[in-house]
Amino acid sequence: MGIKIKEFNNRKFEVLEHSEKPGFKKAFHIVLGVAVAYFIYIFSHMH
C-alpha cells in the first residue's frame, strides 16, 4: 500500500493505492451464492 497521485479534471489528488488480492472476489461470490441458495431452500420449505 502507498499513496499515489492521480489527476482528475486538471486537479491532482492523493489516493491510497492497493493491489487487489486474487481470489477474494471469487470467494465472496461463492459464499454469497451458497447463502442465497440456503435461504431459498429454508424459506421454500416453511409451512
Protein backbone atom coordinates (compact mmCIF):
# COMPACT_ATOMS: atom_id res chain seq x y z
CA MET A 1 0.00 0.00 0.00
CA GLY A 2 1.06 3.53 -0.58
CA ILE A 3 -0.06 6.90 -1.79
CA LYS A 4 -0.42 7.58 -5.49
CA ILE A 5 -1.04 10.92 -7.19
CA LYS A 6 -3.98 10.84 -9.63
CA GLU A 7 -5.14 13.66 -11.86
CA PHE A 8 -8.85 14.30 -12.42
CA ASN A 9 -10.27 17.38 -14.14
CA ASN A 10 -6.81 19.00 -14.14
CA ARG A 11 -6.59 18.67 -10.34
CA LYS A 12 -4.21 16.36 -8.52
CA PHE A 13 -5.43 14.09 -5.75
CA GLU A 14 -3.60 11.79 -3.36
CA VAL A 15 -5.26 8.39 -3.28
CA LEU A 16 -4.44 5.23 -1.40
CA GLU A 17 -3.02 2.64 -3.74
CA HIS A 18 -3.67 -1.05 -3.16
CA SER A 19 -3.39 -4.25 -5.09
CA GLU A 20 -6.45 -6.47 -5.16
CA LYS A 21 -5.85 -9.81 -3.51
CA PRO A 22 -6.56 -12.58 -6.00
CA GLY A 23 -9.38 -14.91 -5.09
CA PHE A 24 -11.22 -12.75 -2.56
CA LYS A 25 -13.84 -11.53 -5.04
CA LYS A 26 -14.44 -15.05 -6.33
CA ALA A 27 -14.71 -16.44 -2.80
CA PHE A 28 -17.16 -13.68 -1.85
CA HIS A 29 -19.39 -14.52 -4.82
CA ILE A 30 -19.30 -18.23 -4.00
CA VAL A 31 -20.25 -17.62 -0.34
CA LEU A 32 -22.99 -15.19 -1.36
CA GLY A 33 -24.41 -17.71 -3.85
CA VAL A 34 -24.41 -20.50 -1.26
CA ALA A 35 -26.13 -18.22 1.28
CA VAL A 36 -28.83 -17.20 -1.21
CA ALA A 37 -29.42 -20.85 -2.18
CA TYR A 38 -29.65 -21.79 1.50
CA PHE A 39 -32.21 -19.07 2.25
CA ILE A 40 -34.29 -20.05 -0.79
CA TYR A 41 -34.25 -23.67 0.42
CA ILE A 42 -35.18 -22.76 4.01
CA PHE A 43 -37.99 -20.35 3.11
CA SER A 44 -39.45 -22.64 0.43
CA HIS A 45 -39.92 -25.41 3.00
CA MET A 46 -41.82 -23.34 5.55
CA HIS A 47 -45.42 -24.34 6.17
